């Protein structure tokens, strides 16, 4: 049985959304663990889930496999990540054709990370994520999302150019999802900057419930975010107690999410690390 697939732009037009993000596992054990996590989260009735894409397009096939599995085995609307890195126009058209045939309605168009040193670097016909957004828009009728960085993209030279680029992406796309952050002021400042540029399309805040402070700190550094000192201090109270660390991490994310909704955020997007505990 194939369930109906929603367009995320329509969901956002009708009210707030609640969503999760997953990544394609590297081995069979990971797939089994992810399957359990999704089955445990499905009763929460998320509006959609997104599936990430590896550096340089490294998980292209696995991303498509996971999106297809969610489409066929659950009642959850899936969104596929797609990146500029390592893809020719023919590659992208082929993937979009397959997604359309599968009934996938939603694409998150990203710049993407280059492959790690030693993994090779395939040629790309795209320079910026805006190029990819325009390609997807020209191809067909997808709901298109883009990434937003409340604390600025790590490669942005300054705040002004970062916001101008984000505004240009949102002019061509339908919505944005942010990298995770911990201080609500970063999100509010970004929304204010966009409004001054005449942009009012929905920007979903991304939240990361912390379970491992070291891992989240590394991820934050890569995405241009900061783990504030107050977060570190709260997490350090747990010491070596993993359960207590997870409880504190959930508390921090819950407090931030409640505050964001109170201030009018269009929904919440939860970065799960393929686990359901949070």
C-alpha atoms as a PDB file:
ATOM      1  CA  UNK A   1       0.000   0.000   0.000  1.00  0.00           C
ATOM      2  CA  UNK A   2       1.275   3.445  -0.946  1.00  0.00           C
ATOM      3  CA  UNK A   3       0.201   6.269   1.340  1.00  0.00           C
ATOM      4  CA  UNK A   4      -0.528   9.775   0.137  1.00  0.00           C
ATOM      5  CA  UNK A   5       2.515  12.060   0.079  1.00  0.00           C
ATOM      6  CA  UNK A   6       2.142  15.667   1.182  1.00  0.00           C
ATOM      7  CA  UNK A   7       3.946  18.672  -0.213  1.00  0.00           C
ATOM      8  CA  UNK A   8       5.801  20.361   2.618  1.00  0.00           C
ATOM      9  CA  UNK A   9       4.987  23.789   1.210  1.00  0.00           C
ATOM     10  CA  UNK A  10       1.268  22.932   1.523  1.00  0.00           C
ATOM     11  CA  UNK A  11       1.756  21.635   5.071  1.00  0.00           C
ATOM     12  CA  UNK A  12       3.462  24.867   6.089  1.00  0.00           C
ATOM     13  CA  UNK A  13       0.739  26.938   4.436  1.00  0.00           C
ATOM     14  CA  UNK A  14      -1.902  25.208   6.547  1.00  0.00           C
ATOM     15  CA  UNK A  15      -0.156  25.242   9.937  1.00  0.00           C
ATOM     16  CA  UNK A  16       2.887  24.304  11.985  1.00  0.00           C
ATOM     17  CA  UNK A  17       4.917  21.220  11.149  1.00  0.00           C
ATOM     18  CA  UNK A  18       6.850  18.712  13.229  1.00  0.00           C
ATOM     19  CA  UNK A  19       9.577  16.717  11.502  1.00  0.00           C
ATOM     20  CA  UNK A  20      12.668  14.548  11.910  1.00  0.00           C
ATOM     21  CA  UNK A  21      15.943  14.067  10.056  1.00  0.00           C
ATOM     22  CA  UNK A  22      17.760  10.775   9.438  1.00  0.00           C
ATOM     23  CA  UNK A  23      20.880   9.692   7.573  1.00  0.00           C
ATOM     24  CA  UNK A  24      21.412   6.518   5.490  1.00  0.00           C
ATOM     25  CA  UNK A  25      23.171   3.859   7.613  1.00  0.00           C
ATOM     26  CA  UNK A  26      26.518   2.429   6.557  1.00  0.00           C
ATOM     27  CA  UNK A  27      25.807  -1.243   7.319  1.00  0.00           C
ATOM     28  CA  UNK A  28      23.045  -3.785   7.884  1.00  0.00           C
ATOM     29  CA  UNK A  29      23.045  -3.320  11.662  1.00  0.00           C
ATOM     30  CA  UNK A  30      22.554   0.407  11.143  1.00  0.00           C
ATOM     31  CA  UNK A  31      19.606  -0.221   8.834  1.00  0.00           C
ATOM     32  CA  UNK A  32      17.952  -2.465  11.412  1.00  0.00           C
ATOM     33  CA  UNK A  33      18.486   0.132  14.149  1.00  0.00           C
ATOM     34  CA  UNK A  34      17.092   2.898  11.954  1.00  0.00           C
ATOM     35  CA  UNK A  35      14.062   0.808  11.049  1.00  0.00           C
ATOM     36  CA  UNK A  36      13.299   0.388  14.738  1.00  0.00           C
ATOM     37  CA  UNK A  37      13.765   4.103  15.394  1.00  0.00           C
ATOM     38  CA  UNK A  38      11.387   5.087  12.593  1.00  0.00           C
ATOM     39  CA  UNK A  39       8.766   2.574  13.740  1.00  0.00           C
ATOM     40  CA  UNK A  40       9.011   3.987  17.271  1.00  0.00           C
ATOM     41  CA  UNK A  41       8.668   7.564  16.025  1.00  0.00           C
ATOM     42  CA  UNK A  42       5.891   6.989  13.471  1.00  0.00           C
ATOM     43  CA  UNK A  43       3.123   6.970  16.158  1.00  0.00           C
ATOM     44  CA  UNK A  44       4.100  10.592  16.940  1.00  0.00           C
ATOM     45  CA  UNK A  45       2.703  11.415  13.470  1.00  0.00           C
ATOM     46  CA  UNK A  46       5.500  13.642  12.138  1.00  0.00           C
ATOM     47  CA  UNK A  47       4.480  15.753   9.164  1.00  0.00           C
ATOM     48  CA  UNK A  48       7.581  14.667   7.262  1.00  0.00           C
ATOM     49  CA  UNK A  49      11.087  13.313   7.597  1.00  0.00           C
ATOM     50  CA  UNK A  50      14.185  14.329   5.673  1.00  0.00           C
ATOM     51  CA  UNK A  51      17.001  12.031   4.550  1.00  0.00           C
ATOM     52  CA  UNK A  52      20.550  13.370   4.312  1.00  0.00           C
ATOM     53  CA  UNK A  53      23.095  13.049   1.542  1.00  0.00           C
ATOM     54  CA  UNK A  54      26.765  12.206   2.105  1.00  0.00           C
ATOM     55  CA  UNK A  55      29.736  14.420   1.290  1.00  0.00           C
ATOM     56  CA  UNK A  56      30.335  14.607  -2.440  1.00  0.00           C
ATOM     57  CA  UNK A  57      27.148  12.641  -3.075  1.00  0.00           C
ATOM     58  CA  UNK A  58      28.663   9.680  -1.248  1.00  0.00           C
ATOM     59  CA  UNK A  59      25.312   8.213  -0.149  1.00  0.00           C
ATOM     60  CA  UNK A  60      23.388   8.900  -3.357  1.00  0.00           C
ATOM     61  CA  UNK A  61      22.027   5.357  -3.728  1.00  0.00           C
ATOM     62  CA  UNK A  62      21.455   4.835  -0.011  1.00  0.00           C
ATOM     63  CA  UNK A  63      19.594   8.136   0.272  1.00  0.00           C
ATOM     64  CA  UNK A  64      17.281   7.098  -2.546  1.00  0.00           C
ATOM     65  CA  UNK A  65      16.834   3.657  -0.970  1.00  0.00           C
ATOM     66  CA  UNK A  66      15.853   5.119   2.403  1.00  0.00           C
ATOM     67  CA  UNK A  67      13.488   7.678   0.873  1.00  0.00           C
ATOM     68  CA  UNK A  68      11.848   4.903  -1.150  1.00  0.00           C
ATOM     69  CA  UNK A  69      11.540   2.659   1.924  1.00  0.00           C
ATOM     70  CA  UNK A  70       9.840   5.422   3.930  1.00  0.00           C
ATOM     71  CA  UNK A  71       7.539   6.124   0.974  1.00  0.00           C
ATOM     72  CA  UNK A  72       6.489   2.477   0.659  1.00  0.00           C
ATOM     73  CA  UNK A  73       6.552   1.205   4.237  1.00  0.00           C
ATOM     74  CA  UNK A  74       5.284   4.117   6.355  1.00  0.00           C
ATOM     75  CA  UNK A  75       2.605   6.789   6.318  1.00  0.00           C
ATOM     76  CA  UNK A  76       5.246   9.523   6.703  1.00  0.00           C
ATOM     77  CA  UNK A  77       5.996  12.008   3.925  1.00  0.00           C
ATOM     78  CA  UNK A  78       9.716  11.800   2.986  1.00  0.00           C
ATOM     79  CA  UNK A  79      11.982  14.551   1.681  1.00  0.00           C
ATOM     80  CA  UNK A  80      15.221  13.733  -0.142  1.00  0.00           C
ATOM     81  CA  UNK A  81      18.351  15.822   0.314  1.00  0.00           C
ATOM     82  CA  UNK A  82      20.209  16.624  -2.908  1.00  0.00           C
ATOM     83  CA  UNK A  83      23.569  18.398  -3.170  1.00  0.00           C
ATOM     84  CA  UNK A  84      25.641  20.215  -5.766  1.00  0.00           C
ATOM     85  CA  UNK A  85      28.817  18.319  -4.960  1.00  0.00           C
ATOM     86  CA  UNK A  86      30.064  15.761  -7.452  1.00  0.00           C
ATOM     87  CA  UNK A  87      27.067  15.837  -9.810  1.00  0.00           C
ATOM     88  CA  UNK A  88      26.619  16.708 -13.429  1.00  0.00           C
ATOM     89  CA  UNK A  89      23.314  18.033 -14.682  1.00  0.00           C
ATOM     90  CA  UNK A  90      22.605  14.609 -16.185  1.00  0.00           C
ATOM     91  CA  UNK A  91      23.085  13.015 -12.726  1.00  0.00           C
ATOM     92  CA  UNK A  92      20.609  15.378 -11.128  1.00  0.00           C
ATOM     93  CA  UNK A  93      18.018  14.995 -13.875  1.00  0.00           C
ATOM     94  CA  UNK A  94      18.285  11.221 -13.527  1.00  0.00           C
ATOM     95  CA  UNK A  95      17.712  11.389  -9.754  1.00  0.00           C
ATOM     96  CA  UNK A  96      14.812  13.806 -10.074  1.00  0.00           C
ATOM     97  CA  UNK A  97      13.234  11.567 -12.699  1.00  0.00           C
ATOM     98  CA  UNK A  98      13.480   8.586 -10.344  1.00  0.00           C
ATOM     99  CA  UNK A  99      12.081  10.548  -7.416  1.00  0.00           C
ATOM    100  CA  UNK A 100       9.149  11.788  -9.459  1.00  0.00           C
ATOM    101  CA  UNK A 101       8.392   8.228 -10.612  1.00  0.00           C
ATOM    102  CA  UNK A 102       8.494   7.114  -6.958  1.00  0.00           C
ATOM    103  CA  UNK A 103       5.979   9.782  -5.995  1.00  0.00           C
ATOM    104  CA  UNK A 104       8.447  11.878  -4.005  1.00  0.00           C
ATOM    105  CA  UNK A 105       7.212  15.479  -3.857  1.00  0.00           C
ATOM    106  CA  UNK A 106       9.859  17.196  -1.722  1.00  0.00           C
ATOM    107  CA  UNK A 107      13.545  18.026  -2.292  1.00  0.00           C
ATOM    108  CA  UNK A 108      15.997  19.805   0.030  1.00  0.00           C
ATOM    109  CA  UNK A 109      18.517  21.426  -2.329  1.00  0.00           C
ATOM    110  CA  UNK A 110      21.914  21.951  -0.686  1.00  0.00           C
ATOM    111  CA  UNK A 111      25.411  23.060  -1.532  1.00  0.00           C
ATOM    112  CA  UNK A 112      26.809  20.001   0.243  1.00  0.00           C
ATOM    113  CA  UNK A 113      30.228  19.146   1.616  1.00  0.00           C
ATOM    114  CA  UNK A 114      33.118  18.084  -0.632  1.00  0.00           C
ATOM    115  CA  UNK A 115      34.362  14.514  -0.132  1.00  0.00           C
ATOM    116  CA  UNK A 116      37.093  13.910   2.392  1.00  0.00           C
ATOM    117  CA  UNK A 117      40.675  13.978   1.185  1.00  0.00           C
ATOM    118  CA  UNK A 118      41.563  10.740  -0.538  1.00  0.00           C
ATOM    119  CA  UNK A 119      37.997   9.977  -1.668  1.00  0.00           C
ATOM    120  CA  UNK A 120      38.288  11.751  -4.995  1.00  0.00           C
ATOM    121  CA  UNK A 121      36.300  14.716  -6.238  1.00  0.00           C
ATOM    122  CA  UNK A 122      33.882  14.173  -9.115  1.00  0.00           C
ATOM    123  CA  UNK A 123      33.107  17.118 -11.404  1.00  0.00           C
ATOM    124  CA  UNK A 124      30.000  19.205 -10.763  1.00  0.00           C
ATOM    125  CA  UNK A 125      27.885  21.345 -13.055  1.00  0.00           C
ATOM    126  CA  UNK A 126      26.733  23.404 -10.061  1.00  0.00           C
ATOM    127  CA  UNK A 127      28.588  25.980  -7.991  1.00  0.00           C
ATOM    128  CA  UNK A 128      26.005  27.128  -5.456  1.00  0.00           C
ATOM    129  CA  UNK A 129      22.864  25.622  -3.982  1.00  0.00           C
ATOM    130  CA  UNK A 130      20.866  28.329  -5.766  1.00  0.00           C
ATOM    131  CA  UNK A 131      21.980  26.756  -9.053  1.00  0.00           C
ATOM    132  CA  UNK A 132      20.544  23.457  -7.873  1.00  0.00           C
ATOM    133  CA  UNK A 133      17.298  25.050  -6.673  1.00  0.00           C
ATOM    134  CA  UNK A 134      16.786  26.567 -10.106  1.00  0.00           C
ATOM    135  CA  UNK A 135      17.485  23.199 -11.763  1.00  0.00           C
ATOM    136  CA  UNK A 136      14.943  21.398  -9.578  1.00  0.00           C
ATOM    137  CA  UNK A 137      12.381  24.145 -10.165  1.00  0.00           C
ATOM    138  CA  UNK A 138      12.865  23.966 -13.919  1.00  0.00           C
ATOM    139  CA  UNK A 139      12.618  20.168 -13.924  1.00  0.00           C
ATOM    140  CA  UNK A 140       9.199  19.820 -12.371  1.00  0.00           C
ATOM    141  CA  UNK A 141       6.707  20.400  -9.649  1.00  0.00           C
ATOM    142  CA  UNK A 142       8.603  19.673  -6.429  1.00  0.00           C
ATOM    143  CA  UNK A 143       8.279  21.473  -3.119  1.00  0.00           C
ATOM    144  CA  UNK A 144      11.813  22.787  -2.590  1.00  0.00           C
ATOM    145  CA  UNK A 145      13.582  23.528   0.658  1.00  0.00           C
ATOM    146  CA  UNK A 146      17.005  25.064   1.300  1.00  0.00           C
ATOM    147  CA  UNK A 147      19.368  25.291   4.258  1.00  0.00           C
ATOM    148  CA  UNK A 148      19.691  28.315   6.533  1.00  0.00           C
ATOM    149  CA  UNK A 149      22.454  29.071   9.015  1.00  0.00           C
ATOM    150  CA  UNK A 150      21.320  31.304  11.901  1.00  0.00           C
ATOM    151  CA  UNK A 151      24.946  31.798  12.948  1.00  0.00           C
ATOM    152  CA  UNK A 152      26.061  32.291   9.308  1.00  0.00           C
ATOM    153  CA  UNK A 153      27.343  29.706   6.856  1.00  0.00           C
ATOM    154  CA  UNK A 154      30.939  28.739   7.719  1.00  0.00           C
ATOM    155  CA  UNK A 155      32.095  29.896   4.264  1.00  0.00           C
ATOM    156  CA  UNK A 156      30.247  33.245   4.328  1.00  0.00           C
ATOM    157  CA  UNK A 157      32.615  36.229   4.365  1.00  0.00           C
ATOM    158  CA  UNK A 158      30.189  38.393   6.378  1.00  0.00           C
ATOM    159  CA  UNK A 159      26.632  38.658   7.694  1.00  0.00           C
ATOM    160  CA  UNK A 160      25.359  40.862   4.879  1.00  0.00           C
ATOM    161  CA  UNK A 161      26.413  38.526   2.067  1.00  0.00           C
ATOM    162  CA  UNK A 162      25.191  35.470   3.990  1.00  0.00           C
ATOM    163  CA  UNK A 163      21.701  36.907   4.388  1.00  0.00           C
ATOM    164  CA  UNK A 164      21.590  38.172   0.806  1.00  0.00           C
ATOM    165  CA  UNK A 165      22.445  34.693  -0.465  1.00  0.00           C
ATOM    166  CA  UNK A 166      19.832  33.085   1.788  1.00  0.00           C
ATOM    167  CA  UNK A 167      17.224  35.588   0.594  1.00  0.00           C
ATOM    168  CA  UNK A 168      18.046  34.746  -3.032  1.00  0.00           C
ATOM    169  CA  UNK A 169      17.660  31.028  -2.308  1.00  0.00           C
ATOM    170  CA  UNK A 170      14.321  31.550  -0.594  1.00  0.00           C
ATOM    171  CA  UNK A 171      13.084  33.679  -3.475  1.00  0.00           C
ATOM    172  CA  UNK A 172      13.447  30.577  -5.669  1.00  0.00           C
ATOM    173  CA  UNK A 173      12.544  27.927  -3.056  1.00  0.00           C
ATOM    174  CA  UNK A 174       9.477  27.332  -0.862  1.00  0.00           C
ATOM    175  CA  UNK A 175      10.930  27.106   2.636  1.00  0.00           C
ATOM    176  CA  UNK A 176      14.158  26.702   4.594  1.00  0.00           C
ATOM    177  CA  UNK A 177      15.372  24.501   7.445  1.00  0.00           C
ATOM    178  CA  UNK A 178      18.103  25.779   9.739  1.00  0.00           C
ATOM    179  CA  UNK A 179      21.184  24.094  11.032  1.00  0.00           C
ATOM    180  CA  UNK A 180      20.791  23.350  14.727  1.00  0.00           C
ATOM    181  CA  UNK A 181      21.436  26.135  17.217  1.00  0.00           C
ATOM    182  CA  UNK A 182      20.955  26.694  20.949  1.00  0.00           C
ATOM    183  CA  UNK A 183      20.233  30.407  21.434  1.00  0.00           C
ATOM    184  CA  UNK A 184      16.864  31.648  20.198  1.00  0.00           C
ATOM    185  CA  UNK A 185      18.363  35.078  19.496  1.00  0.00           C
ATOM    186  CA  UNK A 186      20.303  33.700  16.515  1.00  0.00           C
ATOM    187  CA  UNK A 187      17.082  32.523  14.868  1.00  0.00           C
ATOM    188  CA  UNK A 188      15.204  35.738  15.618  1.00  0.00           C
ATOM    189  CA  UNK A 189      18.026  37.869  14.220  1.00  0.00           C
ATOM    190  CA  UNK A 190      18.076  35.817  11.007  1.00  0.00           C
ATOM    191  CA  UNK A 191      14.301  36.147  10.551  1.00  0.00           C
ATOM    192  CA  UNK A 192      14.566  39.890  11.157  1.00  0.00           C
ATOM    193  CA  UNK A 193      17.346  40.167   8.570  1.00  0.00           C
ATOM    194  CA  UNK A 194      15.243  38.259   6.021  1.00  0.00           C
ATOM    195  CA  UNK A 195      12.184  40.419   6.647  1.00  0.00           C
ATOM    196  CA  UNK A 196      14.277  43.530   5.988  1.00  0.00           C
ATOM    197  CA  UNK A 197      15.177  41.953   2.640  1.00  0.00           C
ATOM    198  CA  UNK A 198      11.512  41.384   1.847  1.00  0.00           C
ATOM    199  CA  UNK A 199      11.528  37.614   2.514  1.00  0.00           C
ATOM    200  CA  UNK A 200       8.678  36.057   4.473  1.00  0.00           C
ATOM    201  CA  UNK A 201       8.780  32.384   3.459  1.00  0.00           C
ATOM    202  CA  UNK A 202       8.786  29.902   6.356  1.00  0.00           C
ATOM    203  CA  UNK A 203      12.083  29.002   7.986  1.00  0.00           C
ATOM    204  CA  UNK A 204      11.897  25.896  10.167  1.00  0.00           C
ATOM    205  CA  UNK A 205      14.279  25.928  13.155  1.00  0.00           C
ATOM    206  CA  UNK A 206      16.414  22.809  13.539  1.00  0.00           C
ATOM    207  CA  UNK A 207      16.933  21.392  17.041  1.00  0.00           C
ATOM    208  CA  UNK A 208      19.534  18.872  18.194  1.00  0.00           C
ATOM    209  CA  UNK A 209      18.817  17.072  21.493  1.00  0.00           C
ATOM    210  CA  UNK A 210      22.268  16.489  22.976  1.00  0.00           C
ATOM    211  CA  UNK A 211      23.361  13.084  24.192  1.00  0.00           C
ATOM    212  CA  UNK A 212      27.100  13.364  23.583  1.00  0.00           C
ATOM    213  CA  UNK A 213      28.615  16.805  24.099  1.00  0.00           C
ATOM    214  CA  UNK A 214      31.819  16.026  22.202  1.00  0.00           C
ATOM    215  CA  UNK A 215      29.998  14.765  19.113  1.00  0.00           C
ATOM    216  CA  UNK A 216      27.632  17.731  18.996  1.00  0.00           C
ATOM    217  CA  UNK A 217      30.548  20.159  19.438  1.00  0.00           C
ATOM    218  CA  UNK A 218      32.280  18.661  16.385  1.00  0.00           C
ATOM    219  CA  UNK A 219      29.089  18.850  14.321  1.00  0.00           C
ATOM    220  CA  UNK A 220      28.478  22.429  15.407  1.00  0.00           C
ATOM    221  CA  UNK A 221      31.989  23.455  14.369  1.00  0.00           C
ATOM    222  CA  UNK A 222      31.476  21.967  10.894  1.00  0.00           C
ATOM    223  CA  UNK A 223      28.184  23.805  10.377  1.00  0.00           C
ATOM    224  CA  UNK A 224      29.344  27.164  11.670  1.00  0.00           C
ATOM    225  CA  UNK A 225      27.339  26.938  14.903  1.00  0.00           C
ATOM    226  CA  UNK A 226      28.450  27.383  18.491  1.00  0.00           C
ATOM    227  CA  UNK A 227      27.736  25.315  21.576  1.00  0.00           C
ATOM    228  CA  UNK A 228      27.282  28.072  24.184  1.00  0.00           C
ATOM    229  CA  UNK A 229      29.059  27.906  27.515  1.00  0.00           C
ATOM    230  CA  UNK A 230      25.745  27.630  29.387  1.00  0.00           C
ATOM    231  CA  UNK A 231      24.916  24.477  27.407  1.00  0.00           C
ATOM    232  CA  UNK A 232      28.312  22.966  28.203  1.00  0.00           C
ATOM    233  CA  UNK A 233      27.909  23.757  31.887  1.00  0.00           C
ATOM    234  CA  UNK A 234      24.455  22.151  32.066  1.00  0.00           C
ATOM    235  CA  UNK A 235      25.658  19.033  30.262  1.00  0.00           C
ATOM    236  CA  UNK A 236      28.748  18.734  32.464  1.00  0.00           C
ATOM    237  CA  UNK A 237      26.513  18.364  35.511  1.00  0.00           C
ATOM    238  CA  UNK A 238      25.702  14.841  34.304  1.00  0.00           C
ATOM    239  CA  UNK A 239      29.312  13.717  34.648  1.00  0.00           C
ATOM    240  CA  UNK A 240      29.590  10.145  33.380  1.00  0.00           C
ATOM    241  CA  UNK A 241      25.866   9.433  33.780  1.00  0.00           C
ATOM    242  CA  UNK A 242      24.675   8.879  30.191  1.00  0.00           C
ATOM    243  CA  UNK A 243      20.993   8.765  31.121  1.00  0.00           C
ATOM    244  CA  UNK A 244      21.256  12.053  32.974  1.00  0.00           C
ATOM    245  CA  UNK A 245      23.149  13.634  30.059  1.00  0.00           C
ATOM    246  CA  UNK A 246      20.363  12.604  27.686  1.00  0.00           C
ATOM    247  CA  UNK A 247      17.709  13.946  30.056  1.00  0.00           C
ATOM    248  CA  UNK A 248      19.491  17.312  30.232  1.00  0.00           C
ATOM    249  CA  UNK A 249      19.880  17.374  26.455  1.00  0.00           C
ATOM    250  CA  UNK A 250      16.162  16.773  25.977  1.00  0.00           C
ATOM    251  CA  UNK A 251      15.357  19.497  28.515  1.00  0.00           C
ATOM    252  CA  UNK A 252      17.520  22.008  26.637  1.00  0.00           C
ATOM    253  CA  UNK A 253      15.933  21.159  23.287  1.00  0.00           C
ATOM    254  CA  UNK A 254      12.416  21.185  24.763  1.00  0.00           C
ATOM    255  CA  UNK A 255      12.915  24.594  26.337  1.00  0.00           C
ATOM    256  CA  UNK A 256      14.277  26.019  23.083  1.00  0.00           C
ATOM    257  CA  UNK A 257      11.479  24.465  21.022  1.00  0.00           C
ATOM    258  CA  UNK A 258       8.769  25.792  23.335  1.00  0.00           C
ATOM    259  CA  UNK A 259      10.277  29.278  23.193  1.00  0.00           C
ATOM    260  CA  UNK A 260      10.514  29.201  19.396  1.00  0.00           C
ATOM    261  CA  UNK A 261       6.882  28.159  19.028  1.00  0.00           C
ATOM    262  CA  UNK A 262       5.847  30.849  21.486  1.00  0.00           C
ATOM    263  CA  UNK A 263       7.621  33.398  19.293  1.00  0.00           C
ATOM    264  CA  UNK A 264       5.874  32.201  16.130  1.00  0.00           C
ATOM    265  CA  UNK A 265       8.217  29.665  14.516  1.00  0.00           C
ATOM    266  CA  UNK A 266       6.394  27.722  11.747  1.00  0.00           C
ATOM    267  CA  UNK A 267       7.356  24.362  13.236  1.00  0.00           C
ATOM    268  CA  UNK A 268      10.241  22.320  14.612  1.00  0.00           C
ATOM    269  CA  UNK A 269      12.703  20.069  12.781  1.00  0.00           C
ATOM    270  CA  UNK A 270      14.483  17.547  15.017  1.00  0.00           C
ATOM    271  CA  UNK A 271      17.926  16.151  14.187  1.00  0.00           C
ATOM    272  CA  UNK A 272      17.668  12.597  15.520  1.00  0.00           C
ATOM    273  CA  UNK A 273      21.118  10.970  14.848  1.00  0.00           C
ATOM    274  CA  UNK A 274      19.006   7.916  13.799  1.00  0.00           C
ATOM    275  CA  UNK A 275      17.800   7.302  17.335  1.00  0.00           C
ATOM    276  CA  UNK A 276      14.383   7.712  18.929  1.00  0.00           C
ATOM    277  CA  UNK A 277      15.152   8.275  22.622  1.00  0.00           C
ATOM    278  CA  UNK A 278      14.999  12.080  22.458  1.00  0.00           C
END
